[in-house]
Amino acid sequence: MSSFDRRTLLISLAALAGCGFTPAYGPGSSGAALRGKVDILAPDDRESYTLVNRLTEQFGPTQTPLYRLAYTISTDENQIGVTRDQEILRYHVAGEVSYTLTDITTGRLMAKRKASSFTAYSATGSSVDTLTASRDAYDRLMVILADQMVSQIIATVELPAELPT
């Protein structure tokens, strides 16, 4: 390793240590503090099932619920690839989740935010292929939105210093 690379590494490590960086899932972090403590609103359709499944993977199964996560999903599908013969070749799917995280004990609103993203799918095959591609696109969108929700919550929600275990 050249001395320039070594100096750059040492300066970077010093800056990282000085900024108060802590791993999101490290001991004492908000990610670890929320594990098993978030009661997620039950799903009522395919999209919400996929969203809740991903949130449960991230937060862990609820063991001692301290927080309630409620959400509202909205999606919009548009045709984006149309031939001269008016055949649709591609669809664009946009989605948004509005959500709240509430302290169950106090009723205090911990977070009220939105996550949004998009995906697309091809409609150039049989109707079965198109249906499969559509379902996959919506599933991917819900996973993206759930990951955004978790990242936002872990990065911004101020939790009490000591959470009961």
N, C-alpha and C. Protein backbone atom coordinates (compact mmCIF):
# COMPACT_ATOMS: atom_id res chain seq x y z
N MET A 1 0.86 -1.17 0.00
CA MET A 1 0.00 0.00 0.00
C MET A 1 0.90 1.23 0.00
N SER A 2 0.65 2.14 -0.91
CA SER A 2 1.47 3.35 -0.98
C SER A 2 1.14 4.26 0.21
N SER A 3 2.07 5.17 0.49
CA SER A 3 1.85 6.06 1.63
C SER A 3 0.65 6.97 1.39
N PHE A 4 0.39 7.34 0.12
CA PHE A 4 -0.78 8.17 -0.18
C PHE A 4 -2.06 7.42 0.17
N ASP A 5 -2.16 6.14 -0.23
CA ASP A 5 -3.33 5.34 0.08
C ASP A 5 -3.49 5.16 1.58
N ARG A 6 -2.39 4.97 2.27
CA ARG A 6 -2.42 4.77 3.72
C ARG A 6 -2.91 6.05 4.41
N ARG A 7 -2.40 7.20 3.95
CA ARG A 7 -2.83 8.48 4.54
C ARG A 7 -4.33 8.70 4.30
N THR A 8 -4.77 8.43 3.09
CA THR A 8 -6.19 8.60 2.76
C THR A 8 -7.05 7.70 3.64
N LEU A 9 -6.63 6.47 3.83
CA LEU A 9 -7.36 5.53 4.67
C LEU A 9 -7.42 6.02 6.10
N LEU A 10 -6.30 6.46 6.65
CA LEU A 10 -6.26 6.92 8.04
C LEU A 10 -7.11 8.17 8.24
N ILE A 11 -7.06 9.08 7.30
CA ILE A 11 -7.88 10.30 7.40
C ILE A 11 -9.36 9.94 7.32
N SER A 12 -9.70 9.02 6.43
CA SER A 12 -11.10 8.60 6.28
C SER A 12 -11.60 7.93 7.55
N LEU A 13 -10.78 7.07 8.14
CA LEU A 13 -11.18 6.40 9.38
C LEU A 13 -11.34 7.39 10.52
N ALA A 14 -10.45 8.37 10.60
CA ALA A 14 -10.56 9.39 11.65
C ALA A 14 -11.83 10.21 11.47
N ALA A 15 -12.14 10.57 10.25
CA ALA A 15 -13.36 11.34 9.98
C ALA A 15 -14.60 10.53 10.32
N LEU A 16 -14.59 9.25 9.99
CA LEU A 16 -15.72 8.38 10.28
C LEU A 16 -15.92 8.24 11.78
N ALA A 17 -14.84 8.08 12.52
CA ALA A 17 -14.93 7.94 13.97
C ALA A 17 -15.44 9.23 14.60
N GLY A 18 -15.07 10.36 14.06
CA GLY A 18 -15.46 11.64 14.62
C GLY A 18 -16.88 12.06 14.32
N CYS A 19 -17.51 11.45 13.34
CA CYS A 19 -18.85 11.90 12.95
C CYS A 19 -19.95 11.24 13.78
N GLY A 20 -19.62 10.31 14.64
CA GLY A 20 -20.63 9.65 15.46
C GLY A 20 -21.34 8.53 14.73
N PHE A 21 -20.75 8.00 13.69
CA PHE A 21 -21.34 6.91 12.91
C PHE A 21 -21.53 5.68 13.80
N THR A 22 -22.71 5.10 13.76
CA THR A 22 -22.96 3.81 14.41
C THR A 22 -23.72 2.94 13.42
N PRO A 23 -23.43 1.65 13.40
CA PRO A 23 -24.13 0.76 12.48
C PRO A 23 -25.63 0.72 12.81
N ALA A 24 -26.46 0.65 11.78
CA ALA A 24 -27.91 0.67 11.97
C ALA A 24 -28.42 -0.50 12.79
N TYR A 25 -27.76 -1.64 12.70
CA TYR A 25 -28.20 -2.81 13.45
C TYR A 25 -27.20 -3.22 14.52
N GLY A 26 -26.26 -2.34 14.86
CA GLY A 26 -25.27 -2.63 15.90
C GLY A 26 -25.90 -2.57 17.28
N PRO A 27 -25.17 -3.01 18.31
CA PRO A 27 -25.68 -2.96 19.68
C PRO A 27 -26.05 -1.52 20.06
N GLY A 28 -27.24 -1.34 20.63
CA GLY A 28 -27.68 -0.03 21.07
C GLY A 28 -28.22 0.86 19.96
N SER A 29 -28.26 0.37 18.74
CA SER A 29 -28.74 1.19 17.61
C SER A 29 -30.26 1.13 17.52
N SER A 30 -30.85 2.04 16.74
CA SER A 30 -32.30 2.04 16.58
C SER A 30 -32.78 0.80 15.85
N GLY A 31 -31.98 0.30 14.91
CA GLY A 31 -32.37 -0.92 14.20
C GLY A 31 -32.48 -2.11 15.13
N ALA A 32 -31.50 -2.25 16.01
CA ALA A 32 -31.53 -3.35 16.98
C ALA A 32 -32.64 -3.13 18.01
N ALA A 33 -32.86 -1.86 18.40
CA ALA A 33 -33.87 -1.56 19.40
C ALA A 33 -35.29 -1.85 18.91
N LEU A 34 -35.51 -1.78 17.62
CA LEU A 34 -36.85 -2.01 17.06
C LEU A 34 -37.12 -3.48 16.76
N ARG A 35 -36.10 -4.29 16.76
CA ARG A 35 -36.25 -5.70 16.39
C ARG A 35 -37.25 -6.40 17.31
N GLY A 36 -38.33 -6.91 16.73
CA GLY A 36 -39.35 -7.63 17.48
C GLY A 36 -40.29 -6.73 18.27
N LYS A 37 -40.19 -5.42 18.09
CA LYS A 37 -40.98 -4.47 18.89
C LYS A 37 -42.02 -3.70 18.07
N VAL A 38 -42.11 -3.98 16.77
CA VAL A 38 -43.03 -3.23 15.90
C VAL A 38 -44.21 -4.11 15.50
N ASP A 39 -45.41 -3.67 15.90
CA ASP A 39 -46.64 -4.35 15.52
C ASP A 39 -47.12 -3.72 14.21
N ILE A 40 -47.11 -4.49 13.14
CA ILE A 40 -47.43 -3.99 11.80
C ILE A 40 -48.88 -4.30 11.49
N LEU A 41 -49.59 -3.30 10.98
CA LEU A 41 -50.98 -3.45 10.58
C LEU A 41 -51.13 -4.68 9.68
N ALA A 42 -52.14 -5.51 9.95
CA ALA A 42 -52.33 -6.74 9.19
C ALA A 42 -52.66 -6.45 7.72
N PRO A 43 -52.15 -7.27 6.82
CA PRO A 43 -52.41 -7.07 5.39
C PRO A 43 -53.84 -7.46 5.02
N ASP A 44 -54.36 -6.82 3.96
CA ASP A 44 -55.70 -7.18 3.51
C ASP A 44 -55.79 -7.44 2.01
N ASP A 45 -54.66 -7.39 1.31
CA ASP A 45 -54.63 -7.73 -0.11
C ASP A 45 -53.21 -8.18 -0.48
N ARG A 46 -53.03 -8.54 -1.74
CA ARG A 46 -51.74 -9.08 -2.19
C ARG A 46 -50.61 -8.08 -1.98
N GLU A 47 -50.83 -6.82 -2.33
CA GLU A 47 -49.78 -5.81 -2.19
C GLU A 47 -49.39 -5.61 -0.73
N SER A 48 -50.39 -5.45 0.14
CA SER A 48 -50.07 -5.23 1.55
C SER A 48 -49.44 -6.47 2.18
N TYR A 49 -49.81 -7.66 1.71
CA TYR A 49 -49.18 -8.88 2.21
C TYR A 49 -47.68 -8.87 1.89
N THR A 50 -47.33 -8.51 0.67
CA THR A 50 -45.92 -8.46 0.28
C THR A 50 -45.18 -7.40 1.09
N LEU A 51 -45.80 -6.24 1.28
CA LEU A 51 -45.20 -5.16 2.07
C LEU A 51 -44.96 -5.62 3.51
N VAL A 52 -45.99 -6.18 4.14
CA VAL A 52 -45.88 -6.61 5.54
C VAL A 52 -44.86 -7.74 5.68
N ASN A 53 -44.82 -8.64 4.72
CA ASN A 53 -43.85 -9.73 4.76
C ASN A 53 -42.43 -9.18 4.79
N ARG A 54 -42.16 -8.20 3.94
CA ARG A 54 -40.82 -7.60 3.89
C ARG A 54 -40.52 -6.81 5.17
N LEU A 55 -41.50 -6.07 5.67
CA LEU A 55 -41.30 -5.33 6.92
C LEU A 55 -41.01 -6.28 8.07
N THR A 56 -41.70 -7.42 8.09
CA THR A 56 -41.47 -8.41 9.14
C THR A 56 -40.08 -9.01 9.03
N GLU A 57 -39.59 -9.22 7.81
CA GLU A 57 -38.21 -9.68 7.62
C GLU A 57 -37.22 -8.68 8.21
N GLN A 58 -37.50 -7.39 8.02
CA GLN A 58 -36.58 -6.34 8.46
C GLN A 58 -36.66 -6.10 9.97
N PHE A 59 -37.88 -6.00 10.52
CA PHE A 59 -38.06 -5.70 11.94
C PHE A 59 -38.09 -6.95 12.80
N GLY A 60 -38.25 -8.10 12.19
CA GLY A 60 -38.37 -9.34 12.94
C GLY A 60 -39.82 -9.56 13.37
N PRO A 61 -40.16 -10.81 13.67
CA PRO A 61 -41.53 -11.08 14.12
C PRO A 61 -41.80 -10.36 15.44
N THR A 62 -43.01 -9.85 15.60
CA THR A 62 -43.36 -9.09 16.80
C THR A 62 -43.36 -10.02 18.00
N GLN A 63 -42.56 -9.65 19.01
CA GLN A 63 -42.51 -10.42 20.26
C GLN A 63 -43.09 -9.60 21.41
N THR A 64 -42.58 -8.39 21.58
CA THR A 64 -43.05 -7.47 22.60
C THR A 64 -43.39 -6.16 21.90
N PRO A 65 -44.62 -5.99 21.45
CA PRO A 65 -44.93 -4.79 20.67
C PRO A 65 -44.89 -3.52 21.51
N LEU A 66 -44.05 -2.58 21.09
CA LEU A 66 -43.97 -1.26 21.72
C LEU A 66 -44.46 -0.18 20.76
N TYR A 67 -44.40 -0.48 19.46
CA TYR A 67 -44.77 0.49 18.44
C TYR A 67 -45.75 -0.13 17.46
N ARG A 68 -46.65 0.70 16.94
CA ARG A 68 -47.60 0.23 15.93
C ARG A 68 -47.29 0.95 14.62
N LEU A 69 -47.15 0.17 13.57
CA LEU A 69 -46.88 0.72 12.24
C LEU A 69 -48.13 0.55 11.39
N ALA A 70 -48.76 1.68 11.05
CA ALA A 70 -49.94 1.68 10.18
C ALA A 70 -49.53 2.27 8.84
N TYR A 71 -50.19 1.84 7.79
CA TYR A 71 -49.79 2.27 6.45
C TYR A 71 -50.99 2.32 5.52
N THR A 72 -50.85 3.08 4.46
CA THR A 72 -51.82 3.13 3.37
C THR A 72 -51.04 3.07 2.07
N ILE A 73 -51.39 2.12 1.22
CA ILE A 73 -50.69 1.93 -0.05
C ILE A 73 -51.53 2.51 -1.18
N SER A 74 -50.87 3.24 -2.08
CA SER A 74 -51.55 3.67 -3.30
C SER A 74 -50.63 3.36 -4.49
N THR A 75 -51.22 2.85 -5.55
CA THR A 75 -50.45 2.54 -6.76
C THR A 75 -51.16 3.12 -7.98
N ASP A 76 -50.38 3.33 -9.01
CA ASP A 76 -50.91 3.86 -10.26
C ASP A 76 -50.16 3.19 -11.41
N GLU A 77 -50.91 2.67 -12.36
CA GLU A 77 -50.30 1.97 -13.49
C GLU A 77 -50.59 2.74 -14.78
N ASN A 78 -49.55 2.99 -15.57
CA ASN A 78 -49.69 3.71 -16.84
C ASN A 78 -49.05 2.93 -17.98
N GLN A 79 -49.61 3.10 -19.17
CA GLN A 79 -49.04 2.49 -20.37
C GLN A 79 -47.90 3.39 -20.84
N ILE A 80 -46.72 2.79 -21.06
CA ILE A 80 -45.61 3.62 -21.53
C ILE A 80 -45.03 3.15 -22.85
N GLY A 81 -45.37 1.99 -23.29
CA GLY A 81 -44.88 1.50 -24.58
C GLY A 81 -46.04 1.08 -25.45
N VAL A 82 -46.42 1.93 -26.40
CA VAL A 82 -47.56 1.64 -27.27
C VAL A 82 -47.09 1.69 -28.72
N THR A 83 -47.43 0.65 -29.48
CA THR A 83 -47.03 0.59 -30.90
C THR A 83 -48.00 1.42 -31.75
N ARG A 84 -47.68 1.53 -33.03
CA ARG A 84 -48.57 2.23 -33.97
C ARG A 84 -49.94 1.57 -34.06
N ASP A 85 -49.94 0.26 -33.83
CA ASP A 85 -51.19 -0.50 -33.87
C ASP A 85 -51.94 -0.45 -32.54
N GLN A 86 -51.48 0.41 -31.63
CA GLN A 86 -52.08 0.59 -30.31
C GLN A 86 -51.96 -0.65 -29.42
N GLU A 87 -50.91 -1.43 -29.63
CA GLU A 87 -50.61 -2.55 -28.74
C GLU A 87 -49.73 -2.04 -27.62
N ILE A 88 -50.07 -2.41 -26.40
CA ILE A 88 -49.29 -1.96 -25.24
C ILE A 88 -48.14 -2.94 -25.02
N LEU A 89 -46.92 -2.40 -24.96
CA LEU A 89 -45.73 -3.23 -24.78
C LEU A 89 -45.16 -3.14 -23.37
N ARG A 90 -45.44 -2.06 -22.66
CA ARG A 90 -44.81 -1.86 -21.36
C ARG A 90 -45.73 -1.04 -20.46
N TYR A 91 -45.69 -1.38 -19.18
CA TYR A 91 -46.45 -0.64 -18.17
C TYR A 91 -45.49 -0.08 -17.12
N HIS A 92 -45.81 1.09 -16.63
CA HIS A 92 -45.06 1.75 -15.56
C HIS A 92 -45.96 1.72 -14.31
N VAL A 93 -45.42 1.23 -13.20
CA VAL A 93 -46.19 1.14 -11.97
C VAL A 93 -45.52 2.02 -10.92
N ALA A 94 -46.25 3.03 -10.46
CA ALA A 94 -45.75 3.92 -9.40
C ALA A 94 -46.50 3.58 -8.12
N GLY A 95 -45.80 3.69 -7.00
CA GLY A 95 -46.43 3.39 -5.73
C GLY A 95 -45.98 4.32 -4.63
N GLU A 96 -46.85 4.49 -3.65
CA GLU A 96 -46.54 5.32 -2.50
C GLU A 96 -47.15 4.68 -1.27
N VAL A 97 -46.41 4.71 -0.17
CA VAL A 97 -46.92 4.24 1.10
C VAL A 97 -46.85 5.40 2.08
N SER A 98 -47.99 5.80 2.61
CA SER A 98 -48.04 6.77 3.70
C SER A 98 -48.09 5.94 4.97
N TYR A 99 -47.25 6.27 5.94
CA TYR A 99 -47.23 5.44 7.15
C TYR A 99 -47.02 6.27 8.41
N THR A 100 -47.46 5.67 9.52
CA THR A 100 -47.24 6.27 10.84
C THR A 100 -46.68 5.21 11.77
N LEU A 101 -45.78 5.63 12.63
CA LEU A 101 -45.24 4.77 13.68
C LEU A 101 -45.64 5.42 15.00
N THR A 102 -46.40 4.68 15.81
CA THR A 102 -46.94 5.22 17.05
C THR A 102 -46.47 4.40 18.24
N ASP A 103 -46.13 5.08 19.33
CA ASP A 103 -45.80 4.41 20.59
C ASP A 103 -47.10 3.86 21.15
N ILE A 104 -47.20 2.56 21.35
CA ILE A 104 -48.43 1.93 21.80
C ILE A 104 -48.80 2.40 23.21
N THR A 105 -47.82 2.53 24.09
CA THR A 105 -48.08 2.89 25.48
C THR A 105 -48.58 4.32 25.64
N THR A 106 -47.90 5.26 25.02
CA THR A 106 -48.22 6.68 25.21
C THR A 106 -49.12 7.25 24.12
N GLY A 107 -49.21 6.59 22.99
CA GLY A 107 -49.97 7.11 21.86
C GLY A 107 -49.21 8.19 21.10
N ARG A 108 -47.96 8.41 21.47
CA ARG A 108 -47.14 9.45 20.83
C ARG A 108 -46.81 9.05 19.39
N LEU A 109 -46.99 9.98 18.47
CA LEU A 109 -46.66 9.75 17.07
C LEU A 109 -45.15 9.88 16.91
N MET A 110 -44.48 8.79 16.55
CA MET A 110 -43.02 8.77 16.42
C MET A 110 -42.59 9.17 15.01
N ALA A 111 -43.41 8.83 14.02
CA ALA A 111 -43.07 9.16 12.63
C ALA A 111 -44.35 9.19 11.80
N LYS A 112 -44.37 10.12 10.86
CA LYS A 112 -45.45 10.19 9.86
C LYS A 112 -44.77 10.59 8.57
N ARG A 113 -44.62 9.61 7.69
CA ARG A 113 -43.84 9.86 6.47
C ARG A 113 -44.45 9.13 5.28
N LYS A 114 -43.78 9.32 4.13
CA LYS A 114 -44.18 8.64 2.89
C LYS A 114 -42.94 8.03 2.25
N ALA A 115 -43.15 6.91 1.60
CA ALA A 115 -42.11 6.29 0.78
C ALA A 115 -42.71 6.12 -0.61
N SER A 116 -41.92 6.38 -1.64
CA SER A 116 -42.45 6.23 -2.99
C SER A 116 -41.37 5.70 -3.93
N SER A 117 -41.82 4.98 -4.94
CA SER A 117 -40.91 4.45 -5.94
C SER A 117 -41.73 4.01 -7.16
N PHE A 118 -41.05 3.38 -8.09
CA PHE A 118 -41.73 2.90 -9.29
C PHE A 118 -41.00 1.67 -9.82
N THR A 119 -41.68 0.96 -10.68
CA THR A 119 -41.10 -0.16 -11.40
C THR A 119 -41.89 -0.29 -12.71
N ALA A 120 -41.52 -1.25 -13.52
CA ALA A 120 -42.20 -1.43 -14.80
C ALA A 120 -42.21 -2.90 -15.16
N TYR A 121 -43.05 -3.24 -16.11
CA TYR A 121 -43.06 -4.61 -16.61
C TYR A 121 -43.45 -4.62 -18.08
N SER A 122 -43.04 -5.70 -18.73
CA SER A 122 -43.27 -5.87 -20.16
C SER A 122 -44.58 -6.63 -20.40
N ALA A 123 -45.28 -6.24 -21.43
CA ALA A 123 -46.53 -6.89 -21.79
C ALA A 123 -46.43 -7.56 -23.15
N THR A 124 -45.24 -8.05 -23.48
CA THR A 124 -45.01 -8.63 -24.81
C THR A 124 -45.01 -10.14 -24.77
N GLY A 125 -46.06 -10.73 -24.44
CA GLY A 125 -46.12 -12.18 -24.41
C GLY A 125 -47.56 -12.61 -24.32
N SER A 126 -47.75 -13.80 -23.84
CA SER A 126 -49.12 -14.28 -23.66
C SER A 126 -49.75 -13.54 -22.48
N SER A 127 -51.03 -13.72 -22.31
CA SER A 127 -51.71 -13.06 -21.18
C SER A 127 -51.20 -13.60 -19.85
N VAL A 128 -50.82 -14.88 -19.82
CA VAL A 128 -50.25 -15.46 -18.60
C VAL A 128 -48.90 -14.82 -18.30
N ASP A 129 -48.07 -14.64 -19.33
CA ASP A 129 -46.77 -13.98 -19.14
C ASP A 129 -46.95 -12.56 -18.62
N THR A 130 -47.90 -11.84 -19.18
CA THR A 130 -48.15 -10.46 -18.77
C THR A 130 -48.66 -10.40 -17.34
N LEU A 131 -49.56 -11.30 -16.97
CA LEU A 131 -50.06 -11.35 -15.60
C LEU A 131 -48.94 -11.65 -14.62
N THR A 132 -48.09 -12.61 -14.96
CA THR A 132 -46.95 -12.95 -14.11
C THR A 132 -46.00 -11.77 -13.97
N ALA A 133 -45.72 -11.09 -15.07
CA ALA A 133 -44.83 -9.92 -15.03
C ALA A 133 -45.45 -8.80 -14.20
N SER A 134 -46.75 -8.62 -14.31
CA SER A 134 -47.44 -7.59 -13.54
C SER A 134 -47.35 -7.88 -12.04
N ARG A 135 -47.64 -9.11 -11.65
CA ARG A 135 -47.55 -9.48 -10.24
C ARG A 135 -46.13 -9.31 -9.71
N ASP A 136 -45.16 -9.70 -10.51
CA ASP A 136 -43.76 -9.55 -10.10
C ASP A 136 -43.40 -8.07 -9.92
N ALA A 137 -43.87 -7.22 -10.81
CA ALA A 137 -43.58 -5.79 -10.72
C ALA A 137 -44.18 -5.20 -9.44
N TYR A 138 -45.41 -5.56 -9.13
CA TYR A 138 -46.04 -5.07 -7.90
C TYR A 138 -45.32 -5.62 -6.66
N ASP A 139 -44.91 -6.89 -6.70
CA ASP A 139 -44.15 -7.45 -5.57
C ASP A 139 -42.83 -6.71 -5.38
N ARG A 140 -42.12 -6.46 -6.47
CA ARG A 140 -40.85 -5.72 -6.39
C ARG A 140 -41.07 -4.32 -5.83
N LEU A 141 -42.14 -3.69 -6.28
CA LEU A 141 -42.44 -2.34 -5.80
C LEU A 141 -42.69 -2.34 -4.29
N MET A 142 -43.44 -3.32 -3.80
CA MET A 142 -43.73 -3.37 -2.36
C MET A 142 -42.46 -3.62 -1.54
N VAL A 143 -41.55 -4.44 -2.06
CA VAL A 143 -40.27 -4.68 -1.37
C VAL A 143 -39.45 -3.39 -1.32
N ILE A 144 -39.41 -2.67 -2.43
CA ILE A 144 -38.67 -1.40 -2.47
C ILE A 144 -39.27 -0.42 -1.46
N LEU A 145 -40.59 -0.31 -1.42
CA LEU A 145 -41.25 0.62 -0.51
C LEU A 145 -41.02 0.23 0.95
N ALA A 146 -41.10 -1.07 1.24
CA ALA A 146 -40.85 -1.52 2.62
C ALA A 146 -39.42 -1.21 3.04
N ASP A 147 -38.47 -1.45 2.16
CA ASP A 147 -37.07 -1.14 2.48
C ASP A 147 -36.87 0.35 2.73
N GLN A 148 -37.54 1.19 1.94
CA GLN A 148 -37.46 2.64 2.16
C GLN A 148 -38.05 3.01 3.52
N MET A 149 -39.18 2.41 3.86
CA MET A 149 -39.82 2.70 5.15
C MET A 149 -38.88 2.36 6.30
N VAL A 150 -38.30 1.18 6.26
CA VAL A 150 -37.39 0.74 7.32
C VAL A 150 -36.19 1.67 7.41
N SER A 151 -35.60 2.02 6.28
CA SER A 151 -34.45 2.92 6.28
C SER A 151 -34.81 4.28 6.87
N GLN A 152 -35.96 4.82 6.49
CA GLN A 152 -36.39 6.11 7.03
C GLN A 152 -36.60 6.04 8.53
N ILE A 153 -37.25 4.99 8.99
CA ILE A 153 -37.54 4.85 10.42
C ILE A 153 -36.25 4.71 11.22
N ILE A 154 -35.36 3.85 10.77
CA ILE A 154 -34.11 3.63 11.50
C ILE A 154 -33.25 4.89 11.51
N ALA A 155 -33.24 5.62 10.41
CA ALA A 155 -32.38 6.80 10.31
C ALA A 155 -32.92 8.02 11.05
N THR A 156 -34.23 8.12 11.21
CA THR A 156 -34.77 9.38 11.71
C THR A 156 -35.56 9.32 13.00
N VAL A 157 -36.08 8.18 13.38
CA VAL A 157 -36.92 8.12 14.58
C VAL A 157 -36.05 8.12 15.83
N GLU A 158 -36.38 9.03 16.74
CA GLU A 158 -35.67 9.09 18.02
C GLU A 158 -36.38 8.17 19.00
N LEU A 159 -35.65 7.15 19.44
CA LEU A 159 -36.20 6.18 20.38
C LEU A 159 -35.70 6.49 21.78
N PRO A 160 -36.43 6.04 22.81
CA PRO A 160 -35.93 6.22 24.17
C PRO A 160 -34.56 5.56 24.32
N ALA A 161 -33.74 6.08 25.22
CA ALA A 161 -32.39 5.55 25.43
C ALA A 161 -32.43 4.07 25.82
N GLU A 162 -33.36 3.70 26.66
CA GLU A 162 -33.46 2.31 27.10
C GLU A 162 -34.83 1.76 26.73
N LEU A 163 -34.84 0.74 25.93
CA LEU A 163 -36.09 0.06 25.60
C LEU A 163 -36.17 -1.21 26.43
N PRO A 164 -37.36 -1.54 26.94
CA PRO A 164 -37.49 -2.80 27.66
C PRO A 164 -37.22 -3.98 26.74
N THR A 165 -36.67 -5.03 27.26
CA THR A 165 -36.39 -6.22 26.45
C THR A 165 -37.40 -7.30 26.68
